[in-house]
Amino acid sequence: MPQLDWLSSLLKMITVTGQLEVRCAYGAPWRVAYGQATAREIPYHVVLKGRAFLEDPEGGTVGELVGGDIVLLPHGSAHVLHDGSGRAPAHTYNRVGLTGWTVSENDGTGEHLDMLCGRFFIGPPHDRLLRDYLPTKLLVRAADGNGGEGAGSASNHLARLVDLMRAESAGDKLGGYAMLNALTSALFTLVLRVASESAQAPAGLLALAGHPRLAPAISAMFGDPARAWTLSDLAELCSMSRATFMRHFQDRLGRSAMELLTDIRMGLAANELKKPTMSTETVAESVGYQSVSAFRRAFAQWMGMTPGQWRRLARSTLAEA
């Protein structure tokens, strides 16, 4: 079986939009605190110039970000960004441009920071899927142009995208707001691609996809989720014994292959149930369930509501939009 572009399949199933909210232009000392994000939101920060310290108030961990670093908080965790000096932050003042985002500046005269901050919005119910399969913090670095990576590498593509975001956010250009939101959506995909190609891919789906021996299994599940896959089938695709496959999959993902397959099936079913022409029976069959009652039980367990309740909720939400 040829290997599938699993990331495109995932993002085709999940609706992700992006929004740039603030461009921070600070001189040290400075400090910005972010509370827990609301459901279905993923905060992001792009350091264009200078450095910032990212602090997790709950875990107490501190990490340094420098120019070219991009960090996503897939679980929406509360966090603090600061200059690392420990001094009281300088006075901050904001202005909103014609393009819709805020430029935040301060009176600090120390080391300069230029940073873009925004959010990704994940359509329900797939926000839960991303929380389950992405780490609490996802950090990647755009290429600086001086490394040995090829011109076509994901890191170089990411660097060019960030340069375009920098240029678009520098002034009130016609169509700038729409352009930056579109670029932000592309940013999400490129960050996941860069992370999955990294030798230090974070635990979860990105690490699994980067494992060459396990890649055929994840490709098969995304490519044909309705097929009655067994662990033996998937192990054979990866040229492993059933026990070895189960161990490697669990170690990399933190979840079993059957759990991932169920999440893919239920995520696709949630999308199909929104369509007026799709009956529950048709949806069940399309994701591999010959028994409608078995599908209803699985969906209710996964979603916390029946297929009919989800269908009505999704339609009412769409009508209110």
C-alpha atoms as a PDB file:
ATOM      1  CA  MET A   1       0.000   0.000   0.000  1.00  0.00           C
ATOM      2  CA  PRO A   2       1.475   3.397  -0.963  1.00  0.00           C
ATOM      3  CA  GLN A   3       2.021   5.732   1.962  1.00  0.00           C
ATOM      4  CA  LEU A   4      -0.454   8.575   2.337  1.00  0.00           C
ATOM      5  CA  ASP A   5       0.079  12.217   3.243  1.00  0.00           C
ATOM      6  CA  TRP A   6      -1.319  11.684   6.740  1.00  0.00           C
ATOM      7  CA  LEU A   7      -0.988  15.357   7.743  1.00  0.00           C
ATOM      8  CA  SER A   8      -3.192  16.512   4.864  1.00  0.00           C
ATOM      9  CA  SER A   9      -5.728  13.841   5.797  1.00  0.00           C
ATOM     10  CA  LEU A  10      -5.715  15.008   9.412  1.00  0.00           C
ATOM     11  CA  LEU A  11      -6.121  18.677   8.511  1.00  0.00           C
ATOM     12  CA  LYS A  12      -8.818  17.869   5.977  1.00  0.00           C
ATOM     13  CA  MET A  13     -10.768  16.307   8.832  1.00  0.00           C
ATOM     14  CA  ILE A  14     -10.047  19.143  11.293  1.00  0.00           C
ATOM     15  CA  THR A  15     -11.102  22.746  10.633  1.00  0.00           C
ATOM     16  CA  VAL A  16      -8.258  25.068  11.677  1.00  0.00           C
ATOM     17  CA  THR A  17      -8.351  28.837  11.259  1.00  0.00           C
ATOM     18  CA  GLY A  18      -5.863  31.388  12.517  1.00  0.00           C
ATOM     19  CA  GLN A  19      -5.810  34.959  13.696  1.00  0.00           C
ATOM     20  CA  LEU A  20      -2.946  37.338  14.400  1.00  0.00           C
ATOM     21  CA  GLU A  21      -3.858  39.445  17.408  1.00  0.00           C
ATOM     22  CA  VAL A  22      -0.840  41.409  18.629  1.00  0.00           C
ATOM     23  CA  ARG A  23       2.542  42.498  17.358  1.00  0.00           C
ATOM     24  CA  CYS A  24       4.721  43.172  20.412  1.00  0.00           C
ATOM     25  CA  ALA A  25       7.503  45.738  20.022  1.00  0.00           C
ATOM     26  CA  TYR A  26       9.096  45.966  23.457  1.00  0.00           C
ATOM     27  CA  GLY A  27      12.293  47.115  25.042  1.00  0.00           C
ATOM     28  CA  ALA A  28      13.390  45.372  28.226  1.00  0.00           C
ATOM     29  CA  PRO A  29      12.097  45.133  30.878  1.00  0.00           C
ATOM     30  CA  TRP A  30       8.749  43.704  29.775  1.00  0.00           C
ATOM     31  CA  ARG A  31       6.339  40.973  30.857  1.00  0.00           C
ATOM     32  CA  VAL A  32       3.085  39.584  29.407  1.00  0.00           C
ATOM     33  CA  ALA A  33       0.848  37.021  31.148  1.00  0.00           C
ATOM     34  CA  TYR A  34      -1.710  34.815  29.386  1.00  0.00           C
ATOM     35  CA  GLY A  35      -4.464  32.940  31.184  1.00  0.00           C
ATOM     36  CA  GLN A  36      -5.784  29.506  30.244  1.00  0.00           C
ATOM     37  CA  ALA A  37      -7.157  29.694  26.713  1.00  0.00           C
ATOM     38  CA  THR A  38     -10.796  28.908  26.148  1.00  0.00           C
ATOM     39  CA  ALA A  39     -11.843  25.590  24.619  1.00  0.00           C
ATOM     40  CA  ARG A  40     -10.853  25.056  20.980  1.00  0.00           C
ATOM     41  CA  GLU A  41      -8.141  27.758  21.030  1.00  0.00           C
ATOM     42  CA  ILE A  42      -4.376  27.270  20.653  1.00  0.00           C
ATOM     43  CA  PRO A  43      -2.191  30.313  21.425  1.00  0.00           C
ATOM     44  CA  TYR A  44       0.976  30.862  19.390  1.00  0.00           C
ATOM     45  CA  HIS A  45       3.987  33.199  19.501  1.00  0.00           C
ATOM     46  CA  VAL A  46       6.518  33.949  16.763  1.00  0.00           C
ATOM     47  CA  VAL A  47       9.741  35.656  17.879  1.00  0.00           C
ATOM     48  CA  LEU A  48      10.929  37.778  14.964  1.00  0.00           C
ATOM     49  CA  LYS A  49      13.821  39.498  16.743  1.00  0.00           C
ATOM     50  CA  GLY A  50      15.363  39.473  20.197  1.00  0.00           C
ATOM     51  CA  ARG A  51      14.591  36.896  22.857  1.00  0.00           C
ATOM     52  CA  ALA A  52      11.840  35.986  25.260  1.00  0.00           C
ATOM     53  CA  PHE A  53      11.552  33.642  28.210  1.00  0.00           C
ATOM     54  CA  LEU A  54       8.501  31.400  28.245  1.00  0.00           C
ATOM     55  CA  GLU A  55       7.421  30.415  31.726  1.00  0.00           C
ATOM     56  CA  ASP A  56       4.862  27.831  32.798  1.00  0.00           C
ATOM     57  CA  PRO A  57       3.396  29.112  36.104  1.00  0.00           C
ATOM     58  CA  GLU A  58       2.043  25.667  37.053  1.00  0.00           C
ATOM     59  CA  GLY A  59       5.000  23.504  36.113  1.00  0.00           C
ATOM     60  CA  GLY A  60       7.581  26.134  36.950  1.00  0.00           C
ATOM     61  CA  THR A  61       9.569  25.472  33.777  1.00  0.00           C
ATOM     62  CA  VAL A  62      11.274  28.293  31.881  1.00  0.00           C
ATOM     63  CA  GLY A  63      12.506  28.148  28.305  1.00  0.00           C
ATOM     64  CA  GLU A  64      14.307  30.725  26.185  1.00  0.00           C
ATOM     65  CA  LEU A  65      12.988  31.715  22.756  1.00  0.00           C
ATOM     66  CA  VAL A  66      15.137  33.560  20.221  1.00  0.00           C
ATOM     67  CA  GLY A  67      14.571  35.067  16.795  1.00  0.00           C
ATOM     68  CA  GLY A  68      13.064  32.471  14.467  1.00  0.00           C
ATOM     69  CA  ASP A  69      11.465  30.434  17.257  1.00  0.00           C
ATOM     70  CA  ILE A  70       7.766  29.601  17.023  1.00  0.00           C
ATOM     71  CA  VAL A  71       5.880  28.124  19.957  1.00  0.00           C
ATOM     72  CA  LEU A  72       2.363  26.685  20.073  1.00  0.00           C
ATOM     73  CA  LEU A  73       0.471  25.798  23.259  1.00  0.00           C
ATOM     74  CA  PRO A  74      -1.878  23.032  21.978  1.00  0.00           C
ATOM     75  CA  HIS A  75      -3.529  22.561  25.377  1.00  0.00           C
ATOM     76  CA  GLY A  76      -4.109  26.312  25.787  1.00  0.00           C
ATOM     77  CA  SER A  77      -2.004  26.379  28.949  1.00  0.00           C
ATOM     78  CA  ALA A  78      -1.601  29.554  30.984  1.00  0.00           C
ATOM     79  CA  HIS A  79       1.874  31.013  30.460  1.00  0.00           C
ATOM     80  CA  VAL A  80       4.051  34.080  30.949  1.00  0.00           C
ATOM     81  CA  LEU A  81       6.502  35.700  28.538  1.00  0.00           C
ATOM     82  CA  HIS A  82       9.151  38.087  29.853  1.00  0.00           C
ATOM     83  CA  ASP A  83      12.624  39.471  29.142  1.00  0.00           C
ATOM     84  CA  GLY A  84      14.326  37.445  31.876  1.00  0.00           C
ATOM     85  CA  SER A  85      15.661  40.376  33.879  1.00  0.00           C
ATOM     86  CA  GLY A  86      13.280  40.020  36.804  1.00  0.00           C
ATOM     87  CA  ARG A  87      12.729  43.795  36.840  1.00  0.00           C
ATOM     88  CA  ALA A  88       9.321  45.443  36.941  1.00  0.00           C
ATOM     89  CA  PRO A  89       8.012  45.774  33.369  1.00  0.00           C
ATOM     90  CA  ALA A  90       7.971  49.175  31.655  1.00  0.00           C
ATOM     91  CA  HIS A  91       4.660  50.879  30.920  1.00  0.00           C
ATOM     92  CA  THR A  92       2.859  49.375  27.918  1.00  0.00           C
ATOM     93  CA  TYR A  93       0.532  51.139  25.501  1.00  0.00           C
ATOM     94  CA  ASN A  94      -1.446  49.698  22.615  1.00  0.00           C
ATOM     95  CA  ARG A  95      -2.786  50.973  19.328  1.00  0.00           C
ATOM     96  CA  VAL A  96      -5.086  49.220  16.893  1.00  0.00           C
ATOM     97  CA  GLY A  97      -4.337  49.621  13.206  1.00  0.00           C
ATOM     98  CA  LEU A  98      -6.810  49.720  10.350  1.00  0.00           C
ATOM     99  CA  THR A  99      -5.951  46.102   9.665  1.00  0.00           C
ATOM    100  CA  GLY A 100      -7.504  44.861  12.925  1.00  0.00           C
ATOM    101  CA  TRP A 101      -4.584  43.640  15.016  1.00  0.00           C
ATOM    102  CA  THR A 102      -2.976  45.461  17.921  1.00  0.00           C
ATOM    103  CA  VAL A 103       0.522  46.906  18.050  1.00  0.00           C
ATOM    104  CA  SER A 104       1.723  46.797  21.649  1.00  0.00           C
ATOM    105  CA  GLU A 105       4.731  48.953  22.626  1.00  0.00           C
ATOM    106  CA  ASN A 106       6.352  50.035  25.850  1.00  0.00           C
ATOM    107  CA  ASP A 107       8.775  52.543  27.344  1.00  0.00           C
ATOM    108  CA  GLY A 108      11.569  50.028  27.898  1.00  0.00           C
ATOM    109  CA  THR A 109      14.999  50.997  26.570  1.00  0.00           C
ATOM    110  CA  GLY A 110      16.749  47.635  26.951  1.00  0.00           C
ATOM    111  CA  GLU A 111      17.118  44.744  24.521  1.00  0.00           C
ATOM    112  CA  HIS A 112      14.477  44.967  21.800  1.00  0.00           C
ATOM    113  CA  LEU A 113      11.853  42.296  21.147  1.00  0.00           C
ATOM    114  CA  ASP A 114       9.705  41.947  18.037  1.00  0.00           C
ATOM    115  CA  MET A 115       7.079  39.210  18.371  1.00  0.00           C
ATOM    116  CA  LEU A 116       3.804  38.162  16.736  1.00  0.00           C
ATOM    117  CA  CYS A 117       1.102  36.657  18.946  1.00  0.00           C
ATOM    118  CA  GLY A 118      -2.184  35.086  17.962  1.00  0.00           C
ATOM    119  CA  ARG A 119      -4.458  32.075  18.198  1.00  0.00           C
ATOM    120  CA  PHE A 120      -5.559  29.085  16.183  1.00  0.00           C
ATOM    121  CA  PHE A 121      -9.207  28.085  16.386  1.00  0.00           C
ATOM    122  CA  ILE A 122     -10.099  24.387  16.130  1.00  0.00           C
ATOM    123  CA  GLY A 123     -13.615  23.441  15.062  1.00  0.00           C
ATOM    124  CA  PRO A 124     -15.450  21.090  17.453  1.00  0.00           C
ATOM    125  CA  PRO A 125     -15.141  18.265  18.303  1.00  0.00           C
ATOM    126  CA  HIS A 126     -11.607  17.954  16.972  1.00  0.00           C
ATOM    127  CA  ASP A 127      -9.985  20.218  19.556  1.00  0.00           C
ATOM    128  CA  ARG A 128     -10.003  17.255  21.926  1.00  0.00           C
ATOM    129  CA  LEU A 129      -8.255  15.087  19.360  1.00  0.00           C
ATOM    130  CA  LEU A 130      -5.417  17.612  19.052  1.00  0.00           C
ATOM    131  CA  ARG A 131      -5.057  17.866  22.821  1.00  0.00           C
ATOM    132  CA  ASP A 132      -4.776  14.089  23.007  1.00  0.00           C
ATOM    133  CA  TYR A 133      -2.146  13.792  20.285  1.00  0.00           C
ATOM    134  CA  LEU A 134      -0.055  16.980  20.558  1.00  0.00           C
ATOM    135  CA  PRO A 135       2.240  17.975  23.446  1.00  0.00           C
ATOM    136  CA  THR A 136       1.433  20.805  25.865  1.00  0.00           C
ATOM    137  CA  LYS A 137       4.158  22.893  24.196  1.00  0.00           C
ATOM    138  CA  LEU A 138       5.311  22.620  20.587  1.00  0.00           C
ATOM    139  CA  LEU A 139       8.484  24.561  19.733  1.00  0.00           C
ATOM    140  CA  VAL A 140      10.059  24.732  16.277  1.00  0.00           C
ATOM    141  CA  ARG A 141      12.618  26.966  14.637  1.00  0.00           C
ATOM    142  CA  ALA A 142      12.465  28.539  11.200  1.00  0.00           C
ATOM    143  CA  ALA A 143      15.697  28.261   9.204  1.00  0.00           C
ATOM    144  CA  ASP A 144      17.960  31.303   9.423  1.00  0.00           C
ATOM    145  CA  GLY A 145      19.293  30.866   5.904  1.00  0.00           C
ATOM    146  CA  ASN A 146      22.812  30.067   7.096  1.00  0.00           C
ATOM    147  CA  GLY A 147      22.342  26.397   7.926  1.00  0.00           C
ATOM    148  CA  GLY A 148      22.884  23.359   5.816  1.00  0.00           C
ATOM    149  CA  GLU A 149      19.238  22.598   5.166  1.00  0.00           C
ATOM    150  CA  GLY A 150      18.087  22.407   1.584  1.00  0.00           C
ATOM    151  CA  ALA A 151      16.120  25.240   0.038  1.00  0.00           C
ATOM    152  CA  GLY A 152      13.057  23.022  -0.125  1.00  0.00           C
ATOM    153  CA  SER A 153      13.117  21.990   3.542  1.00  0.00           C
ATOM    154  CA  ALA A 154      10.081  22.612   5.726  1.00  0.00           C
ATOM    155  CA  SER A 155      12.184  24.832   7.981  1.00  0.00           C
ATOM    156  CA  ASN A 156      13.106  27.068   5.040  1.00  0.00           C
ATOM    157  CA  HIS A 157       9.481  27.236   3.904  1.00  0.00           C
ATOM    158  CA  LEU A 158       8.555  28.222   7.447  1.00  0.00           C
ATOM    159  CA  ALA A 159      11.179  30.984   7.440  1.00  0.00           C
ATOM    160  CA  ARG A 160       9.748  32.445   4.231  1.00  0.00           C
ATOM    161  CA  LEU A 161       6.231  32.308   5.644  1.00  0.00           C
ATOM    162  CA  VAL A 162       7.343  34.125   8.808  1.00  0.00           C
ATOM    163  CA  ASP A 163       9.087  36.783   6.671  1.00  0.00           C
ATOM    164  CA  LEU A 164       5.837  37.339   4.791  1.00  0.00           C
ATOM    165  CA  MET A 165       3.905  37.617   8.071  1.00  0.00           C
ATOM    166  CA  ARG A 166       6.477  40.135   9.298  1.00  0.00           C
ATOM    167  CA  ALA A 167       6.071  42.247   6.158  1.00  0.00           C
ATOM    168  CA  GLU A 168       2.269  42.108   6.206  1.00  0.00           C
ATOM    169  CA  SER A 169       2.113  43.093   9.881  1.00  0.00           C
ATOM    170  CA  ALA A 170       4.439  46.064   9.415  1.00  0.00           C
ATOM    171  CA  GLY A 171       1.745  48.428   8.111  1.00  0.00           C
ATOM    172  CA  ASP A 172      -1.882  48.983   7.166  1.00  0.00           C
ATOM    173  CA  LYS A 173      -1.884  47.368   3.744  1.00  0.00           C
ATOM    174  CA  LEU A 174      -5.052  46.759   1.737  1.00  0.00           C
ATOM    175  CA  GLY A 175      -6.286  43.255   2.539  1.00  0.00           C
ATOM    176  CA  GLY A 176      -3.663  42.876   5.256  1.00  0.00           C
ATOM    177  CA  TYR A 177      -6.026  41.463   7.886  1.00  0.00           C
ATOM    178  CA  ALA A 178      -7.329  38.735   5.583  1.00  0.00           C
ATOM    179  CA  MET A 179      -3.821  37.999   4.337  1.00  0.00           C
ATOM    180  CA  LEU A 180      -2.369  37.582   7.811  1.00  0.00           C
ATOM    181  CA  ASN A 181      -5.179  35.315   8.966  1.00  0.00           C
ATOM    182  CA  ALA A 182      -4.642  33.121   5.895  1.00  0.00           C
ATOM    183  CA  LEU A 183      -0.900  33.021   6.567  1.00  0.00           C
ATOM    184  CA  THR A 184      -1.580  32.117  10.189  1.00  0.00           C
ATOM    185  CA  SER A 185      -3.620  29.091   9.096  1.00  0.00           C
ATOM    186  CA  ALA A 186      -0.729  27.999   6.869  1.00  0.00           C
ATOM    187  CA  LEU A 187       1.613  28.517   9.822  1.00  0.00           C
ATOM    188  CA  PHE A 188      -0.175  25.759  11.748  1.00  0.00           C
ATOM    189  CA  THR A 189       0.420  23.213   9.005  1.00  0.00           C
ATOM    190  CA  LEU A 190       4.068  24.141   8.511  1.00  0.00           C
ATOM    191  CA  VAL A 191       4.808  24.002  12.244  1.00  0.00           C
ATOM    192  CA  LEU A 192       3.421  20.458  12.397  1.00  0.00           C
ATOM    193  CA  ARG A 193       5.426  19.487   9.315  1.00  0.00           C
ATOM    194  CA  VAL A 194       8.684  20.878  10.731  1.00  0.00           C
ATOM    195  CA  ALA A 195       8.069  19.186  14.090  1.00  0.00           C
ATOM    196  CA  SER A 196       7.306  15.816  12.481  1.00  0.00           C
ATOM    197  CA  GLU A 197      10.514  15.959  10.415  1.00  0.00           C
ATOM    198  CA  SER A 198      12.664  16.785  13.423  1.00  0.00           C
ATOM    199  CA  ALA A 199      14.951  14.134  14.871  1.00  0.00           C
ATOM    200  CA  GLN A 200      13.587  15.221  18.272  1.00  0.00           C
ATOM    201  CA  ALA A 201       9.906  15.107  17.329  1.00  0.00           C
ATOM    202  CA  PRO A 202       7.768  15.514  20.458  1.00  0.00           C
ATOM    203  CA  ALA A 203       5.902  12.538  21.860  1.00  0.00           C
ATOM    204  CA  GLY A 204       2.539  11.884  20.278  1.00  0.00           C
ATOM    205  CA  LEU A 205       1.306  11.816  16.701  1.00  0.00           C
ATOM    206  CA  LEU A 206       4.262  13.814  15.354  1.00  0.00           C
ATOM    207  CA  ALA A 207       6.810  11.394  16.780  1.00  0.00           C
ATOM    208  CA  LEU A 208       4.838   8.443  15.478  1.00  0.00           C
ATOM    209  CA  ALA A 209       4.645   9.834  11.953  1.00  0.00           C
ATOM    210  CA  GLY A 210       8.374  10.433  11.928  1.00  0.00           C
ATOM    211  CA  HIS A 211       9.092   6.801  12.854  1.00  0.00           C
ATOM    212  CA  PRO A 212       9.923   5.187   9.482  1.00  0.00           C
ATOM    213  CA  ARG A 213       8.918   1.682  10.538  1.00  0.00           C
ATOM    214  CA  LEU A 214       5.535   2.776  11.910  1.00  0.00           C
ATOM    215  CA  ALA A 215       4.675   5.182   9.093  1.00  0.00           C
ATOM    216  CA  PRO A 216       2.896   2.523   6.960  1.00  0.00           C
ATOM    217  CA  ALA A 217       0.391   1.855   9.748  1.00  0.00           C
ATOM    218  CA  ILE A 218      -0.587   5.471  10.304  1.00  0.00           C
ATOM    219  CA  SER A 219      -0.778   5.988   6.535  1.00  0.00           C
ATOM    220  CA  ALA A 220      -3.091   2.977   6.212  1.00  0.00           C
ATOM    221  CA  MET A 221      -5.414   4.085   9.004  1.00  0.00           C
ATOM    222  CA  PHE A 222      -5.827   7.587   7.610  1.00  0.00           C
ATOM    223  CA  GLY A 223      -6.070   6.287   4.044  1.00  0.00           C
ATOM    224  CA  ASP A 224      -8.740   3.634   4.612  1.00  0.00           C
ATOM    225  CA  PRO A 225     -10.299   4.092   8.070  1.00  0.00           C
ATOM    226  CA  ALA A 226     -13.392   2.039   7.180  1.00  0.00           C
ATOM    227  CA  ARG A 227     -11.374  -1.115   6.630  1.00  0.00           C
ATOM    228  CA  ALA A 228     -11.624  -3.730   9.378  1.00  0.00           C
ATOM    229  CA  TRP A 229      -8.011  -3.302  10.475  1.00  0.00           C
ATOM    230  CA  THR A 230      -6.586  -5.682  13.036  1.00  0.00           C
ATOM    231  CA  LEU A 231      -3.374  -5.262  14.998  1.00  0.00           C
ATOM    232  CA  SER A 232      -1.921  -8.146  12.995  1.00  0.00           C
ATOM    233  CA  ASP A 233      -2.761  -6.359   9.710  1.00  0.00           C
ATOM    234  CA  LEU A 234      -1.090  -3.149  10.834  1.00  0.00           C
ATOM    235  CA  ALA A 235       1.921  -4.965  12.271  1.00  0.00           C
ATOM    236  CA  GLU A 236       2.404  -6.814   8.987  1.00  0.00           C
ATOM    237  CA  LEU A 237       2.415  -3.521   7.071  1.00  0.00           C
ATOM    238  CA  CYS A 238       5.275  -2.405   9.329  1.00  0.00           C
ATOM    239  CA  SER A 239       7.138  -5.745   9.028  1.00  0.00           C
ATOM    240  CA  MET A 240       6.854  -6.308  12.769  1.00  0.00           C
ATOM    241  CA  SER A 241       5.415  -8.911  15.035  1.00  0.00           C
ATOM    242  CA  ARG A 242       2.131  -7.986  16.673  1.00  0.00           C
ATOM    243  CA  ALA A 243       3.764  -7.595  20.096  1.00  0.00           C
ATOM    244  CA  THR A 244       6.636  -5.450  18.778  1.00  0.00           C
ATOM    245  CA  PHE A 245       4.238  -3.233  16.850  1.00  0.00           C
ATOM    246  CA  MET A 246       2.024  -2.704  19.898  1.00  0.00           C
ATOM    247  CA  ARG A 247       5.023  -1.824  22.061  1.00  0.00           C
ATOM    248  CA  HIS A 248       6.558   0.657  19.608  1.00  0.00           C
ATOM    249  CA  PHE A 249       3.210   2.286  18.858  1.00  0.00           C
ATOM    250  CA  GLN A 250       2.345   2.730  22.529  1.00  0.00           C
ATOM    251  CA  ASP A 251       5.832   4.034  23.377  1.00  0.00           C
ATOM    252  CA  ARG A 252       5.746   6.644  20.615  1.00  0.00           C
ATOM    253  CA  LEU A 253       2.121   7.734  20.813  1.00  0.00           C
ATOM    254  CA  GLY A 254       1.155   7.032  24.386  1.00  0.00           C
ATOM    255  CA  ARG A 255      -2.009   5.410  23.015  1.00  0.00           C
ATOM    256  CA  SER A 256      -2.814   2.219  21.145  1.00  0.00           C
ATOM    257  CA  ALA A 257      -3.268   1.844  17.393  1.00  0.00           C
ATOM    258  CA  MET A 258      -6.921   0.895  17.911  1.00  0.00           C
ATOM    259  CA  GLU A 259      -7.503   4.074  19.936  1.00  0.00           C
ATOM    260  CA  LEU A 260      -6.066   6.156  17.101  1.00  0.00           C
ATOM    261  CA  LEU A 261      -8.198   4.304  14.551  1.00  0.00           C
ATOM    262  CA  THR A 262     -11.329   4.951  16.625  1.00  0.00           C
ATOM    263  CA  ASP A 263     -10.459   8.643  16.927  1.00  0.00           C
ATOM    264  CA  ILE A 264     -10.013   8.920  13.154  1.00  0.00           C
ATOM    265  CA  ARG A 265     -13.310   7.138  12.504  1.00  0.00           C
ATOM    266  CA  MET A 266     -15.273   9.191  15.019  1.00  0.00           C
ATOM    267  CA  GLY A 267     -13.723  12.459  13.826  1.00  0.00           C
ATOM    268  CA  LEU A 268     -14.774  11.689  10.258  1.00  0.00           C
ATOM    269  CA  ALA A 269     -18.231  10.592  11.432  1.00  0.00           C
ATOM    270  CA  ALA A 270     -18.739  13.876  13.307  1.00  0.00           C
ATOM    271  CA  ASN A 271     -18.073  15.744  10.054  1.00  0.00           C
ATOM    272  CA  GLU A 272     -20.374  13.536   7.973  1.00  0.00           C
ATOM    273  CA  LEU A 273     -23.253  13.822  10.456  1.00  0.00           C
ATOM    274  CA  LYS A 274     -23.368  17.569   9.800  1.00  0.00           C
ATOM    275  CA  LYS A 275     -24.449  16.922   6.218  1.00  0.00           C
ATOM    276  CA  PRO A 276     -28.255  16.931   5.757  1.00  0.00           C
ATOM    277  CA  THR A 277     -28.183  14.176   3.140  1.00  0.00           C
ATOM    278  CA  MET A 278     -26.182  11.705   5.257  1.00  0.00           C
ATOM    279  CA  SER A 279     -28.213   9.275   7.356  1.00  0.00           C
ATOM    280  CA  THR A 280     -26.757   7.763  10.506  1.00  0.00           C
ATOM    281  CA  GLU A 281     -26.736   4.369   8.794  1.00  0.00           C
ATOM    282  CA  THR A 282     -24.720   5.730   5.850  1.00  0.00           C
ATOM    283  CA  VAL A 283     -22.271   7.476   8.160  1.00  0.00           C
ATOM    284  CA  ALA A 284     -21.805   4.317  10.224  1.00  0.00           C
ATOM    285  CA  GLU A 285     -20.974   2.273   7.147  1.00  0.00           C
ATOM    286  CA  SER A 286     -18.622   4.958   5.793  1.00  0.00           C
ATOM    287  CA  VAL A 287     -16.403   4.677   8.888  1.00  0.00           C
ATOM    288  CA  GLY A 288     -16.382   0.904   9.124  1.00  0.00           C
ATOM    289  CA  TYR A 289     -19.417  -0.048  11.225  1.00  0.00           C
ATOM    290  CA  GLN A 290     -21.801  -2.639   9.794  1.00  0.00           C
ATOM    291  CA  SER A 291     -24.005  -2.360  12.896  1.00  0.00           C
ATOM    292  CA  VAL A 292     -25.699   1.009  13.412  1.00  0.00           C
ATOM    293  CA  SER A 293     -26.306   0.254  17.082  1.00  0.00           C
ATOM    294  CA  ALA A 294     -22.578  -0.459  17.586  1.00  0.00           C
ATOM    295  CA  PHE A 295     -21.756   2.817  15.862  1.00  0.00           C
ATOM    296  CA  ARG A 296     -24.203   4.741  18.042  1.00  0.00           C
ATOM    297  CA  ARG A 297     -22.663   3.256  21.187  1.00  0.00           C
ATOM    298  CA  ALA A 298     -19.105   4.009  20.049  1.00  0.00           C
ATOM    299  CA  PHE A 299     -19.990   7.563  19.012  1.00  0.00           C
ATOM    300  CA  ALA A 300     -21.823   8.298  22.261  1.00  0.00           C
ATOM    301  CA  GLN A 301     -18.882   7.004  24.281  1.00  0.00           C
ATOM    302  CA  TRP A 302     -16.403   9.056  22.231  1.00  0.00           C
ATOM    303  CA  MET A 303     -18.471  12.232  21.901  1.00  0.00           C
ATOM    304  CA  GLY A 304     -20.519  12.265  25.093  1.00  0.00           C
ATOM    305  CA  MET A 305     -23.740  12.515  23.074  1.00  0.00           C
ATOM    306  CA  THR A 306     -25.631  10.465  20.526  1.00  0.00           C
ATOM    307  CA  PRO A 307     -25.189  10.959  16.763  1.00  0.00           C
ATOM    308  CA  GLY A 308     -28.655  12.570  16.633  1.00  0.00           C
ATOM    309  CA  GLN A 309     -27.832  15.007  19.440  1.00  0.00           C
ATOM    310  CA  TRP A 310     -24.547  15.958  17.756  1.00  0.00           C
ATOM    311  CA  ARG A 311     -26.303  16.445  14.423  1.00  0.00           C
ATOM    312  CA  ARG A 312     -28.858  18.813  15.973  1.00  0.00           C
ATOM    313  CA  LEU A 313     -26.206  20.713  17.933  1.00  0.00           C
ATOM    314  CA  ALA A 314     -23.970  21.138  14.888  1.00  0.00           C
ATOM    315  CA  ARG A 315     -26.861  22.371  12.740  1.00  0.00           C
ATOM    316  CA  SER A 316     -28.078  24.841  15.366  1.00  0.00           C
ATOM    317  CA  THR A 317     -24.552  26.189  15.795  1.00  0.00           C
ATOM    318  CA  LEU A 318     -24.240  26.604  12.024  1.00  0.00           C
ATOM    319  CA  ALA A 319     -27.600  28.414  11.873  1.00  0.00           C
ATOM    320  CA  GLU A 320     -26.472  30.871  14.567  1.00  0.00           C
ATOM    321  CA  ALA A 321     -23.147  31.604  12.836  1.00  0.00           C
END
